[in-house]
Amino acid sequence: MNSFSLGELCWLFCCPPCPSRIAAKLAFLPPEPTYSIHTDASGATSLHLTERADWQYSQRELDAVEVLVTRTSRGNRVGCMFVRCAPASRYTLLFSHGNAVDLGQMCSFYIGLGSRINCNVFSYDYSGYGVSTGKPSEKNLYADIEAAWQVLRNK
């Protein structure tokens, strides 16, 4: 029988530099991208979804989704999405999606959520997810949400 002693398990999970590597592997699970952002000659951006994005709405709703890319303080490019669900709404929800999904998989959910609670939804991908560059890490995660917050406040 192959088994580990308590000491071996402690070494595996507690000795530097293993904990950060183990945590990163367990905490960040980026999927294959389910969308892309295209920029035309005038600089306007548009969202293009793959089949794996599971889009549940019409082209009219897709046209209400605005996408952009911003840069974080750590130098990564982060994909952002603004879903105008309730044009007359005074509120916009800044939504940090769960792990192992990207904006392409979440945009149908955002339309349903915003429509139900009568607000717009702004979300972003973490570094290493979707069209975002960089590697998933805790430090990048903090920089990602700070960049998203700045875009939401200023644009």
Protein backbone atom coordinates (compact mmCIF):
# COMPACT_ATOMS: atom_id res chain seq x y z
CA MET A 1 0.00 0.00 0.00
CA ASN A 2 1.38 3.40 -0.98
CA SER A 3 0.81 5.92 1.77
CA PHE A 4 2.40 9.12 2.94
CA SER A 5 3.56 9.82 6.44
CA LEU A 6 2.36 12.94 8.23
CA GLY A 7 5.82 14.45 7.77
CA GLU A 8 5.78 13.84 4.02
CA LEU A 9 2.34 15.42 3.69
CA CYS A 10 3.48 18.45 5.70
CA TRP A 11 6.55 18.81 3.50
CA LEU A 12 4.43 18.54 0.35
CA PHE A 13 1.92 21.21 1.39
CA CYS A 14 3.85 23.42 3.82
CA CYS A 15 7.45 23.81 2.65
CA PRO A 16 8.42 26.81 0.49
CA PRO A 17 8.11 27.27 -2.42
CA CYS A 18 5.49 24.54 -2.70
CA PRO A 19 2.52 26.26 -1.00
CA SER A 20 2.25 29.08 -3.52
CA ARG A 21 2.52 26.68 -6.44
CA ILE A 22 -0.02 24.30 -4.95
CA ALA A 23 -2.40 27.14 -4.11
CA ALA A 24 -2.13 28.57 -7.61
CA LYS A 25 -2.83 25.19 -9.19
CA LEU A 26 -5.82 24.57 -6.93
CA ALA A 27 -7.23 28.10 -6.92
CA PHE A 28 -6.94 29.16 -10.56
CA LEU A 29 -8.45 26.99 -13.27
CA PRO A 30 -8.78 29.08 -16.44
CA PRO A 31 -10.84 27.44 -19.21
CA GLU A 32 -10.08 27.60 -22.90
CA PRO A 33 -11.32 31.03 -24.09
CA THR A 34 -14.94 31.05 -25.22
CA TYR A 35 -14.87 34.50 -26.81
CA SER A 36 -12.71 36.99 -28.64
CA ILE A 37 -12.79 40.76 -28.99
CA HIS A 38 -12.53 42.17 -32.51
CA THR A 39 -11.60 45.77 -33.26
CA ASP A 40 -12.66 47.35 -36.55
CA ALA A 41 -10.87 50.11 -38.51
CA SER A 42 -12.66 52.85 -36.54
CA GLY A 43 -11.53 51.38 -33.21
CA ALA A 44 -14.95 50.02 -32.21
CA THR A 45 -14.84 46.66 -30.45
CA SER A 46 -17.27 43.76 -30.74
CA LEU A 47 -17.74 40.48 -28.94
CA HIS A 48 -17.46 37.19 -30.83
CA LEU A 49 -18.55 34.06 -28.98
CA THR A 50 -17.49 30.48 -29.66
CA GLU A 51 -19.93 27.58 -29.57
CA ARG A 52 -18.81 26.76 -26.03
CA ALA A 53 -20.07 30.12 -24.76
CA ASP A 54 -23.65 28.75 -24.58
CA TRP A 55 -25.33 31.96 -25.81
CA GLN A 56 -29.07 31.88 -25.04
CA TYR A 57 -30.27 35.17 -26.53
CA SER A 58 -30.68 36.91 -29.90
CA GLN A 59 -28.30 39.16 -31.78
CA ARG A 60 -30.12 42.19 -30.32
CA GLU A 61 -29.00 41.27 -26.81
CA LEU A 62 -25.50 40.50 -28.05
CA ASP A 63 -25.33 43.97 -29.58
CA ALA A 64 -26.08 45.44 -26.12
CA VAL A 65 -22.89 43.90 -24.75
CA GLU A 66 -19.90 46.25 -24.85
CA VAL A 67 -16.39 44.85 -24.54
CA LEU A 68 -13.02 46.47 -24.04
CA VAL A 69 -9.53 45.67 -22.87
CA THR A 70 -7.74 47.62 -20.16
CA ARG A 71 -4.27 47.37 -18.68
CA THR A 72 -3.56 46.56 -15.03
CA SER A 73 -0.90 48.06 -12.78
CA ARG A 74 1.06 44.81 -13.25
CA GLY A 75 1.09 45.23 -17.06
CA ASN A 76 -1.51 42.61 -17.98
CA ARG A 77 -4.29 43.27 -20.46
CA VAL A 78 -7.70 42.42 -18.97
CA GLY A 79 -10.90 41.83 -20.92
CA CYS A 80 -13.94 43.71 -19.59
CA MET A 81 -17.64 43.48 -20.42
CA PHE A 82 -20.45 45.97 -19.86
CA VAL A 83 -23.93 44.47 -20.25
CA ARG A 84 -26.62 47.11 -20.62
CA CYS A 85 -29.62 45.20 -19.24
CA ALA A 86 -31.61 48.16 -17.96
CA PRO A 87 -30.72 51.32 -19.91
CA ALA A 88 -32.64 53.60 -17.52
CA SER A 89 -31.08 52.04 -14.43
CA ARG A 90 -29.08 54.16 -12.00
CA TYR A 91 -27.07 51.13 -10.88
CA THR A 92 -24.35 48.95 -12.31
CA LEU A 93 -23.21 45.78 -10.58
CA LEU A 94 -19.45 45.07 -10.63
CA PHE A 95 -19.42 41.28 -10.89
CA SER A 96 -16.38 39.05 -10.23
CA HIS A 97 -17.26 35.71 -11.79
CA GLY A 98 -16.38 32.33 -10.32
CA ASN A 99 -13.44 30.13 -11.15
CA ALA A 100 -13.10 27.97 -14.26
CA VAL A 101 -15.30 30.27 -16.43
CA ASP A 102 -14.68 33.33 -18.56
CA LEU A 103 -16.79 36.26 -19.76
CA GLY A 104 -18.02 34.34 -22.80
CA GLN A 105 -19.58 31.70 -20.59
CA MET A 106 -21.03 34.29 -18.20
CA CYS A 107 -22.58 36.87 -20.54
CA SER A 108 -25.93 35.06 -20.86
CA PHE A 109 -26.10 34.89 -17.08
CA TYR A 110 -25.34 38.61 -16.82
CA ILE A 111 -28.24 39.50 -19.12
CA GLY A 112 -30.64 37.39 -17.06
CA LEU A 113 -29.32 38.74 -13.75
CA GLY A 114 -29.40 42.38 -14.78
CA SER A 115 -32.87 42.06 -16.24
CA ARG A 116 -34.20 40.47 -13.05
CA ILE A 117 -32.71 43.01 -10.66
CA ASN A 118 -33.06 46.00 -13.02
CA CYS A 119 -29.43 47.03 -13.24
CA ASN A 120 -26.53 46.90 -15.67
CA VAL A 121 -23.64 44.48 -15.15
CA PHE A 122 -19.92 45.16 -15.54
CA SER A 123 -17.51 42.24 -15.31
CA TYR A 124 -13.94 41.39 -16.19
CA ASP A 125 -11.75 38.36 -16.74
CA TYR A 126 -8.88 37.54 -14.47
CA SER A 127 -5.31 37.48 -15.79
CA GLY A 128 -4.91 34.29 -17.83
CA TYR A 129 -8.67 33.90 -18.44
CA GLY A 130 -10.45 34.61 -21.74
CA VAL A 131 -8.61 37.30 -23.70
CA SER A 132 -6.73 38.52 -20.61
CA THR A 133 -2.95 38.18 -20.66
CA GLY A 134 -0.65 37.18 -17.82
CA LYS A 135 -0.80 34.29 -15.42
CA PRO A 136 -3.47 33.70 -12.82
CA SER A 137 -2.17 34.65 -9.36
CA GLU A 138 -3.37 36.34 -6.22
CA LYS A 139 -1.38 39.51 -6.90
CA ASN A 140 -2.68 39.70 -10.46
CA LEU A 141 -6.22 39.15 -9.20
CA TYR A 142 -6.01 42.26 -7.00
CA ALA A 143 -4.61 44.29 -9.90
CA ASP A 144 -7.35 42.94 -12.20
CA ILE A 145 -10.23 44.08 -10.02
CA GLU A 146 -8.59 47.44 -9.37
CA ALA A 147 -8.26 48.01 -13.13
CA ALA A 148 -11.88 46.93 -13.69
CA TRP A 149 -13.07 49.28 -10.94
CA GLN A 150 -11.17 52.19 -12.51
CA VAL A 151 -12.68 51.49 -15.95
CA LEU A 152 -16.17 51.28 -14.48
CA ARG A 153 -15.76 54.55 -12.58
CA ASN A 154 -14.10 56.49 -15.40
CA LYS A 155 -15.80 55.22 -18.57
